[in-house]
């Protein structure tokens, strides 16, 4: 059964993985979205990326990173935070210019 809610300034909504959803902005809004990947959902994320990569170059690039030999899948909870410099140079797929232009 669909559910509806109205968020006010400063409120957030968590949408669990795999839950279809739709957003309608009632006024000018700034939305920030993030996807969280850890050991509990890594395989599900890879499966989703495999499907999306058929039509989305950015999904294809991320899938290539996740499936790259040597990619650390341990996601150690004891791992310390990355420094800003490490974050900026973290291995990631190169953007496809044709996708960015569309």
Protein backbone atom coordinates (compact mmCIF):
# COMPACT_ATOMS: atom_id res chain seq x y z
CA UNK A 1 0.00 0.00 0.00
CA UNK A 2 1.44 3.40 -0.91
CA UNK A 3 2.32 5.76 1.91
CA UNK A 4 2.53 9.51 1.70
CA UNK A 5 4.35 12.03 3.83
CA UNK A 6 5.29 15.69 3.73
CA UNK A 7 8.77 16.66 4.89
CA UNK A 8 9.44 20.10 6.29
CA UNK A 9 12.73 22.00 6.38
CA UNK A 10 15.42 20.04 8.21
CA UNK A 11 13.60 16.70 8.07
CA UNK A 12 14.88 13.60 6.32
CA UNK A 13 13.32 10.39 5.08
CA UNK A 14 15.07 7.02 4.92
CA UNK A 15 13.90 4.86 2.01
CA UNK A 16 15.11 1.25 2.43
CA UNK A 17 16.90 -0.44 -0.46
CA UNK A 18 14.60 -1.90 -3.06
CA UNK A 19 11.62 0.25 -2.12
CA UNK A 20 10.16 1.97 -5.16
CA UNK A 21 9.39 5.59 -4.43
CA UNK A 22 8.38 8.84 -6.05
CA UNK A 23 9.02 12.41 -4.98
CA UNK A 24 6.90 15.45 -5.66
CA UNK A 25 8.31 18.79 -4.59
CA UNK A 26 5.59 21.08 -3.29
CA UNK A 27 7.89 24.12 -3.50
CA UNK A 28 11.44 24.92 -4.59
CA UNK A 29 13.64 22.37 -2.88
CA UNK A 30 17.16 21.13 -2.56
CA UNK A 31 17.40 17.35 -2.35
CA UNK A 32 20.45 15.38 -1.31
CA UNK A 33 20.41 11.67 -1.94
CA UNK A 34 22.92 9.03 -0.95
CA UNK A 35 23.22 5.29 -1.29
CA UNK A 36 24.88 3.37 1.51
CA UNK A 37 26.85 0.21 0.77
CA UNK A 38 28.27 -2.13 3.39
CA UNK A 39 28.68 -5.88 3.87
CA UNK A 40 24.97 -6.33 4.58
CA UNK A 41 23.88 -5.15 1.12
CA UNK A 42 27.00 -5.35 -1.09
CA UNK A 43 25.83 -8.32 -3.17
CA UNK A 44 22.36 -6.78 -3.64
CA UNK A 45 23.97 -3.52 -4.80
CA UNK A 46 26.15 -5.41 -7.31
CA UNK A 47 23.07 -7.24 -8.67
CA UNK A 48 21.23 -3.93 -9.04
CA UNK A 49 24.23 -2.34 -10.77
CA UNK A 50 24.43 -5.24 -13.24
CA UNK A 51 20.90 -4.50 -14.40
CA UNK A 52 21.31 -0.72 -14.39
CA UNK A 53 24.64 -0.93 -16.23
CA UNK A 54 22.79 -2.07 -19.34
CA UNK A 55 21.33 1.43 -19.74
CA UNK A 56 23.43 3.68 -17.47
CA UNK A 57 27.13 4.30 -18.10
CA UNK A 58 27.69 5.60 -14.56
CA UNK A 59 26.26 2.38 -13.09
CA UNK A 60 28.50 0.44 -15.47
CA UNK A 61 31.54 2.37 -14.25
CA UNK A 62 30.74 1.79 -10.59
CA UNK A 63 30.13 -1.91 -11.26
CA UNK A 64 33.56 -2.12 -12.88
CA UNK A 65 35.11 -0.61 -9.75
CA UNK A 66 33.27 -3.04 -7.45
CA UNK A 67 34.20 -6.03 -9.60
CA UNK A 68 37.83 -4.99 -10.13
CA UNK A 69 40.35 -7.57 -8.97
CA UNK A 70 41.78 -6.43 -5.67
CA UNK A 71 38.75 -4.32 -4.69
CA UNK A 72 38.60 -4.52 -0.88
CA UNK A 73 35.22 -6.02 -0.01
CA UNK A 74 35.96 -6.48 3.67
CA UNK A 75 34.60 -3.04 4.60
CA UNK A 76 36.33 -3.26 7.93
CA UNK A 77 34.30 -1.52 10.62
CA UNK A 78 37.57 -0.62 12.34
CA UNK A 79 38.86 1.21 9.25
CA UNK A 80 39.69 4.81 10.00
CA UNK A 81 38.23 7.67 8.02
CA UNK A 82 39.92 8.70 4.81
CA UNK A 83 41.74 11.98 4.76
CA UNK A 84 40.42 14.58 2.31
CA UNK A 85 43.38 13.90 -0.02
CA UNK A 86 42.77 10.12 0.11
CA UNK A 87 39.06 10.67 -0.58
CA UNK A 88 39.74 12.88 -3.61
CA UNK A 89 42.03 10.24 -5.12
CA UNK A 90 39.96 7.17 -4.15
CA UNK A 91 39.76 4.78 -7.12
CA UNK A 92 36.60 5.43 -9.10
CA UNK A 93 35.32 5.04 -12.59
CA UNK A 94 36.11 7.80 -15.04
CA UNK A 95 32.96 9.73 -16.04
CA UNK A 96 31.73 9.14 -19.57
CA UNK A 97 31.57 12.56 -21.29
CA UNK A 98 28.65 11.49 -23.51
CA UNK A 99 26.57 10.73 -20.40
CA UNK A 100 27.44 14.05 -18.78
CA UNK A 101 26.31 15.98 -21.86
CA UNK A 102 22.82 14.47 -21.97
